[in-house]
Amino acid sequence: MKKVNFEKRLSAILERIPDSEIVETFRIEAINPARIDRFFNHCSKPERWIIENWARFFRDKKIPYV
């Protein structure tokens, strides 16, 4: 299986999604399951896995997204 650069893959996914939607979806104070489901309508299943892991990393490290 070909190794894919995680950062390149993530940036390619996020380029398709409006910044405001990313910010509203992943704000630490307001993670809303309905909003996340709507956000993931933009993504394939492997892309969803990448973004969920990315979001979990930031949330666990308490790093702000913006």
PDB file of N, CA and C in Angstrom:
ATOM      1  N   MET A   1       0.836  -1.183   0.000  1.00  0.00           N
ATOM      2  CA  MET A   1       0.000   0.000   0.000  1.00  0.00           C
ATOM      3  C   MET A   1       0.885   1.251   0.000  1.00  0.00           C
ATOM      4  N   LYS A   2       0.531   2.201  -0.819  1.00  0.00           N
ATOM      5  CA  LYS A   2       1.311   3.424  -0.946  1.00  0.00           C
ATOM      6  C   LYS A   2       1.130   4.311   0.285  1.00  0.00           C
ATOM      7  N   LYS A   3       2.248   4.798   0.821  1.00  0.00           N
ATOM      8  CA  LYS A   3       2.184   5.700   1.972  1.00  0.00           C
ATOM      9  C   LYS A   3       1.808   7.093   1.489  1.00  0.00           C
ATOM     10  N   VAL A   4       0.802   7.669   2.127  1.00  0.00           N
ATOM     11  CA  VAL A   4       0.328   9.003   1.735  1.00  0.00           C
ATOM     12  C   VAL A   4       0.753   9.994   2.814  1.00  0.00           C
ATOM     13  N   ASN A   5       1.298  11.130   2.388  1.00  0.00           N
ATOM     14  CA  ASN A   5       1.685  12.161   3.330  1.00  0.00           C
ATOM     15  C   ASN A   5       0.435  12.692   4.032  1.00  0.00           C
ATOM     16  N   PHE A   6       0.390  12.513   5.340  1.00  0.00           N
ATOM     17  CA  PHE A   6      -0.791  12.878   6.126  1.00  0.00           C
ATOM     18  C   PHE A   6      -1.156  14.351   5.944  1.00  0.00           C
ATOM     19  N   GLU A   7      -0.181  15.243   6.034  1.00  0.00           N
ATOM     20  CA  GLU A   7      -0.474  16.678   5.941  1.00  0.00           C
ATOM     21  C   GLU A   7      -1.018  17.056   4.572  1.00  0.00           C
ATOM     22  N   LYS A   8      -0.454  16.477   3.522  1.00  0.00           N
ATOM     23  CA  LYS A   8      -0.957  16.770   2.165  1.00  0.00           C
ATOM     24  C   LYS A   8      -2.390  16.269   2.011  1.00  0.00           C
ATOM     25  N   ARG A   9      -2.662  15.085   2.519  1.00  0.00           N
ATOM     26  CA  ARG A   9      -4.001  14.502   2.410  1.00  0.00           C
ATOM     27  C   ARG A   9      -5.012  15.339   3.182  1.00  0.00           C
ATOM     28  N   LEU A  10      -4.632  15.728   4.396  1.00  0.00           N
ATOM     29  CA  LEU A  10      -5.529  16.528   5.218  1.00  0.00           C
ATOM     30  C   LEU A  10      -5.792  17.882   4.577  1.00  0.00           C
ATOM     31  N   SER A  11      -4.759  18.540   4.067  1.00  0.00           N
ATOM     32  CA  SER A  11      -4.981  19.857   3.463  1.00  0.00           C
ATOM     33  C   SER A  11      -5.839  19.743   2.205  1.00  0.00           C
ATOM     34  N   ALA A  12      -5.699  18.658   1.447  1.00  0.00           N
ATOM     35  CA  ALA A  12      -6.534  18.461   0.259  1.00  0.00           C
ATOM     36  C   ALA A  12      -8.006  18.299   0.657  1.00  0.00           C
ATOM     37  N   ILE A  13      -8.258  17.600   1.755  1.00  0.00           N
ATOM     38  CA  ILE A  13      -9.630  17.440   2.229  1.00  0.00           C
ATOM     39  C   ILE A  13     -10.180  18.792   2.680  1.00  0.00           C
ATOM     40  N   LEU A  14      -9.403  19.484   3.492  1.00  0.00           N
ATOM     41  CA  LEU A  14      -9.895  20.724   4.099  1.00  0.00           C
ATOM     42  C   LEU A  14     -10.065  21.853   3.088  1.00  0.00           C
ATOM     43  N   GLU A  15      -9.347  21.806   1.966  1.00  0.00           N
ATOM     44  CA  GLU A  15      -9.506  22.832   0.930  1.00  0.00           C
ATOM     45  C   GLU A  15     -10.915  22.832   0.351  1.00  0.00           C
ATOM     46  N   ARG A  16     -11.590  21.684   0.386  1.00  0.00           N
ATOM     47  CA  ARG A  16     -12.932  21.579  -0.197  1.00  0.00           C
ATOM     48  C   ARG A  16     -14.030  22.100   0.731  1.00  0.00           C
ATOM     49  N   ILE A  17     -13.669  22.360   1.978  1.00  0.00           N
ATOM     50  CA  ILE A  17     -14.672  22.703   2.986  1.00  0.00           C
ATOM     51  C   ILE A  17     -14.466  24.150   3.429  1.00  0.00           C
ATOM     52  N   PRO A  18     -15.544  24.939   3.493  1.00  0.00           N
ATOM     53  CA  PRO A  18     -15.393  26.339   3.897  1.00  0.00           C
ATOM     54  C   PRO A  18     -14.773  26.471   5.298  1.00  0.00           C
ATOM     55  N   ASP A  19     -13.866  27.435   5.455  1.00  0.00           N
ATOM     56  CA  ASP A  19     -13.196  27.647   6.745  1.00  0.00           C
ATOM     57  C   ASP A  19     -14.190  27.849   7.882  1.00  0.00           C
ATOM     58  N   SER A  20     -15.235  28.603   7.620  1.00  0.00           N
ATOM     59  CA  SER A  20     -16.202  28.880   8.687  1.00  0.00           C
ATOM     60  C   SER A  20     -16.851  27.588   9.184  1.00  0.00           C
ATOM     61  N   GLU A  21     -17.077  26.654   8.276  1.00  0.00           N
ATOM     62  CA  GLU A  21     -17.683  25.380   8.677  1.00  0.00           C
ATOM     63  C   GLU A  21     -16.712  24.555   9.517  1.00  0.00           C
ATOM     64  N   ILE A  22     -15.441  24.592   9.175  1.00  0.00           N
ATOM     65  CA  ILE A  22     -14.430  23.878   9.955  1.00  0.00           C
ATOM     66  C   ILE A  22     -14.360  24.449  11.367  1.00  0.00           C
ATOM     67  N   VAL A  23     -14.291  25.762  11.455  1.00  0.00           N
ATOM     68  CA  VAL A  23     -14.183  26.420  12.760  1.00  0.00           C
ATOM     69  C   VAL A  23     -15.405  26.120  13.616  1.00  0.00           C
ATOM     70  N   GLU A  24     -16.592  26.263  13.044  1.00  0.00           N
ATOM     71  CA  GLU A  24     -17.817  26.029  13.800  1.00  0.00           C
ATOM     72  C   GLU A  24     -17.965  24.566  14.212  1.00  0.00           C
ATOM     73  N   THR A  25     -17.472  23.668  13.391  1.00  0.00           N
ATOM     74  CA  THR A  25     -17.615  22.243  13.693  1.00  0.00           C
ATOM     75  C   THR A  25     -16.685  21.799  14.810  1.00  0.00           C
ATOM     76  N   PHE A  26     -15.461  22.314  14.817  1.00  0.00           N
ATOM     77  CA  PHE A  26     -14.438  21.770  15.715  1.00  0.00           C
ATOM     78  C   PHE A  26     -14.033  22.671  16.869  1.00  0.00           C
ATOM     79  N   ARG A  27     -14.789  23.738  17.102  1.00  0.00           N
ATOM     80  CA  ARG A  27     -14.471  24.545  18.282  1.00  0.00           C
ATOM     81  C   ARG A  27     -14.545  23.659  19.519  1.00  0.00           C
ATOM     82  N   ILE A  28     -13.542  23.748  20.386  1.00  0.00           N
ATOM     83  CA  ILE A  28     -13.475  22.866  21.553  1.00  0.00           C
ATOM     84  C   ILE A  28     -14.706  23.037  22.436  1.00  0.00           C
ATOM     85  N   GLU A  29     -15.193  24.258  22.588  1.00  0.00           N
ATOM     86  CA  GLU A  29     -16.310  24.512  23.494  1.00  0.00           C
ATOM     87  C   GLU A  29     -17.622  23.966  22.948  1.00  0.00           C
ATOM     88  N   ALA A  30     -17.715  23.760  21.653  1.00  0.00           N
ATOM     89  CA  ALA A  30     -19.042  23.484  21.070  1.00  0.00           C
ATOM     90  C   ALA A  30     -18.992  22.386  20.024  1.00  0.00           C
ATOM     91  N   ILE A  31     -18.521  21.218  20.398  1.00  0.00           N
ATOM     92  CA  ILE A  31     -18.540  20.119  19.435  1.00  0.00           C
ATOM     93  C   ILE A  31     -19.954  19.535  19.431  1.00  0.00           C
ATOM     94  N   ASN A  32     -20.641  19.755  18.330  1.00  0.00           N
ATOM     95  CA  ASN A  32     -22.051  19.388  18.182  1.00  0.00           C
ATOM     96  C   ASN A  32     -22.145  18.188  17.233  1.00  0.00           C
ATOM     97  N   PRO A  33     -22.631  17.040  17.701  1.00  0.00           N
ATOM     98  CA  PRO A  33     -22.681  15.836  16.847  1.00  0.00           C
ATOM     99  C   PRO A  33     -23.442  16.029  15.529  1.00  0.00           C
ATOM    100  N   ALA A  34     -24.537  16.777  15.552  1.00  0.00           N
ATOM    101  CA  ALA A  34     -25.297  16.998  14.310  1.00  0.00           C
ATOM    102  C   ALA A  34     -24.470  17.808  13.316  1.00  0.00           C
ATOM    103  N   ARG A  35     -23.759  18.807  13.800  1.00  0.00           N
ATOM    104  CA  ARG A  35     -22.919  19.632  12.933  1.00  0.00           C
ATOM    105  C   ARG A  35     -21.769  18.791  12.371  1.00  0.00           C
ATOM    106  N   ILE A  36     -21.208  17.923  13.180  1.00  0.00           N
ATOM    107  CA  ILE A  36     -20.104  17.077  12.714  1.00  0.00           C
ATOM    108  C   ILE A  36     -20.595  16.131  11.621  1.00  0.00           C
ATOM    109  N   ASP A  37     -21.777  15.543  11.793  1.00  0.00           N
ATOM    110  CA  ASP A  37     -22.319  14.657  10.752  1.00  0.00           C
ATOM    111  C   ASP A  37     -22.502  15.416   9.439  1.00  0.00           C
ATOM    112  N   ARG A  38     -23.020  16.632   9.518  1.00  0.00           N
ATOM    113  CA  ARG A  38     -23.213  17.441   8.310  1.00  0.00           C
ATOM    114  C   ARG A  38     -21.854  17.781   7.672  1.00  0.00           C
ATOM    115  N   PHE A  39     -20.884  18.108   8.514  1.00  0.00           N
ATOM    116  CA  PHE A  39     -19.527  18.401   8.044  1.00  0.00           C
ATOM    117  C   PHE A  39     -18.960  17.202   7.285  1.00  0.00           C
ATOM    118  N   PHE A  40     -19.153  16.001   7.819  1.00  0.00           N
ATOM    119  CA  PHE A  40     -18.570  14.814   7.205  1.00  0.00           C
ATOM    120  C   PHE A  40     -19.289  14.380   5.934  1.00  0.00           C
ATOM    121  N   ASN A  41     -20.402  14.998   5.603  1.00  0.00           N
ATOM    122  CA  ASN A  41     -21.030  14.715   4.313  1.00  0.00           C
ATOM    123  C   ASN A  41     -20.115  15.115   3.159  1.00  0.00           C
ATOM    124  N   HIS A  42     -19.129  15.977   3.432  1.00  0.00           N
ATOM    125  CA  HIS A  42     -18.169  16.401   2.417  1.00  0.00           C
ATOM    126  C   HIS A  42     -17.086  15.344   2.162  1.00  0.00           C
ATOM    127  N   CYS A  43     -17.013  14.327   3.007  1.00  0.00           N
ATOM    128  CA  CYS A  43     -15.830  13.460   3.044  1.00  0.00           C
ATOM    129  C   CYS A  43     -16.162  11.996   2.771  1.00  0.00           C
ATOM    130  N   SER A  44     -15.158  11.295   2.255  1.00  0.00           N
ATOM    131  CA  SER A  44     -15.263   9.839   2.157  1.00  0.00           C
ATOM    132  C   SER A  44     -14.962   9.238   3.538  1.00  0.00           C
ATOM    133  N   LYS A  45     -15.187   7.940   3.703  1.00  0.00           N
ATOM    134  CA  LYS A  45     -14.917   7.305   5.000  1.00  0.00           C
ATOM    135  C   LYS A  45     -13.440   7.403   5.409  1.00  0.00           C
ATOM    136  N   PRO A  46     -12.480   7.133   4.515  1.00  0.00           N
ATOM    137  CA  PRO A  46     -11.074   7.290   4.935  1.00  0.00           C
ATOM    138  C   PRO A  46     -10.739   8.739   5.314  1.00  0.00           C
ATOM    139  N   GLU A  47     -11.344   9.690   4.598  1.00  0.00           N
ATOM    140  CA  GLU A  47     -11.104  11.101   4.929  1.00  0.00           C
ATOM    141  C   GLU A  47     -11.689  11.431   6.301  1.00  0.00           C
ATOM    142  N   ARG A  48     -12.859  10.883   6.594  1.00  0.00           N
ATOM    143  CA  ARG A  48     -13.476  11.118   7.902  1.00  0.00           C
ATOM    144  C   ARG A  48     -12.558  10.594   8.999  1.00  0.00           C
ATOM    145  N   TRP A  49     -11.969   9.423   8.797  1.00  0.00           N
ATOM    146  CA  TRP A  49     -11.064   8.838   9.787  1.00  0.00           C
ATOM    147  C   TRP A  49      -9.867   9.762  10.022  1.00  0.00           C
ATOM    148  N   ILE A  50      -9.313  10.299   8.952  1.00  0.00           N
ATOM    149  CA  ILE A  50      -8.162  11.210   9.071  1.00  0.00           C
ATOM    150  C   ILE A  50      -8.554  12.451   9.873  1.00  0.00           C
ATOM    151  N   ILE A  51      -9.684  13.050   9.534  1.00  0.00           N
ATOM    152  CA  ILE A  51     -10.093  14.281  10.210  1.00  0.00           C
ATOM    153  C   ILE A  51     -10.445  14.011  11.675  1.00  0.00           C
ATOM    154  N   GLU A  52     -11.112  12.898  11.953  1.00  0.00           N
ATOM    155  CA  GLU A  52     -11.449  12.591  13.341  1.00  0.00           C
ATOM    156  C   GLU A  52     -10.190  12.432  14.191  1.00  0.00           C
ATOM    157  N   ASN A  53      -9.183  11.785  13.632  1.00  0.00           N
ATOM    158  CA  ASN A  53      -7.938  11.618  14.376  1.00  0.00           C
ATOM    159  C   ASN A  53      -7.214  12.942  14.564  1.00  0.00           C
ATOM    160  N   TRP A  54      -7.252  13.776  13.533  1.00  0.00           N
ATOM    161  CA  TRP A  54      -6.659  15.111  13.616  1.00  0.00           C
ATOM    162  C   TRP A  54      -7.358  15.933  14.702  1.00  0.00           C
ATOM    163  N   ALA A  55      -8.690  15.912  14.692  1.00  0.00           N
ATOM    164  CA  ALA A  55      -9.458  16.670  15.685  1.00  0.00           C
ATOM    165  C   ALA A  55      -9.204  16.139  17.092  1.00  0.00           C
ATOM    166  N   ARG A  56      -9.135  14.818  17.238  1.00  0.00           N
ATOM    167  CA  ARG A  56      -8.875  14.213  18.546  1.00  0.00           C
ATOM    168  C   ARG A  56      -7.500  14.629  19.061  1.00  0.00           C
ATOM    169  N   PHE A  57      -6.502  14.664  18.178  1.00  0.00           N
ATOM    170  CA  PHE A  57      -5.158  15.087  18.566  1.00  0.00           C
ATOM    171  C   PHE A  57      -5.182  16.512  19.115  1.00  0.00           C
ATOM    172  N   PHE A  58      -5.832  17.425  18.380  1.00  0.00           N
ATOM    173  CA  PHE A  58      -5.883  18.817  18.820  1.00  0.00           C
ATOM    174  C   PHE A  58      -6.670  18.952  20.122  1.00  0.00           C
ATOM    175  N   ARG A  59      -7.782  18.239  20.217  1.00  0.00           N
ATOM    176  CA  ARG A  59      -8.612  18.317  21.426  1.00  0.00           C
ATOM    177  C   ARG A  59      -7.833  17.787  22.629  1.00  0.00           C
ATOM    178  N   ASP A  60      -7.154  16.653  22.464  1.00  0.00           N
ATOM    179  CA  ASP A  60      -6.421  16.051  23.580  1.00  0.00           C
ATOM    180  C   ASP A  60      -5.248  16.919  24.022  1.00  0.00           C
ATOM    181  N   LYS A  61      -4.630  17.609  23.080  1.00  0.00           N
ATOM    182  CA  LYS A  61      -3.486  18.471  23.402  1.00  0.00           C
ATOM    183  C   LYS A  61      -3.928  19.868  23.828  1.00  0.00           C
ATOM    184  N   LYS A  62      -5.242  20.142  23.747  1.00  0.00           N
ATOM    185  CA  LYS A  62      -5.814  21.456  24.073  1.00  0.00           C
ATOM    186  C   LYS A  62      -5.227  22.563  23.190  1.00  0.00           C
ATOM    187  N   ILE A  63      -4.969  22.221  21.938  1.00  0.00           N
ATOM    188  CA  ILE A  63      -4.445  23.191  20.973  1.00  0.00           C
ATOM    189  C   ILE A  63      -5.634  23.807  20.250  1.00  0.00           C
ATOM    190  N   PRO A  64      -5.749  25.132  20.236  1.00  0.00           N
ATOM    191  CA  PRO A  64      -6.875  25.743  19.512  1.00  0.00           C
ATOM    192  C   PRO A  64      -6.731  25.517  18.004  1.00  0.00           C
ATOM    193  N   TYR A  65      -7.860  25.387  17.324  1.00  0.00           N
ATOM    194  CA  TYR A  65      -7.844  25.167  15.877  1.00  0.00           C
ATOM    195  C   TYR A  65      -7.612  26.451  15.120  1.00  0.00           C
ATOM    196  N   VAL A  66      -7.964  27.578  15.732  1.00  0.00           N
ATOM    197  CA  VAL A  66      -7.842  28.867  15.034  1.00  0.00           C
ATOM    198  C   VAL A  66      -7.070  29.829  15.895  1.00  0.00           C
TER     199      VAL A  66
END
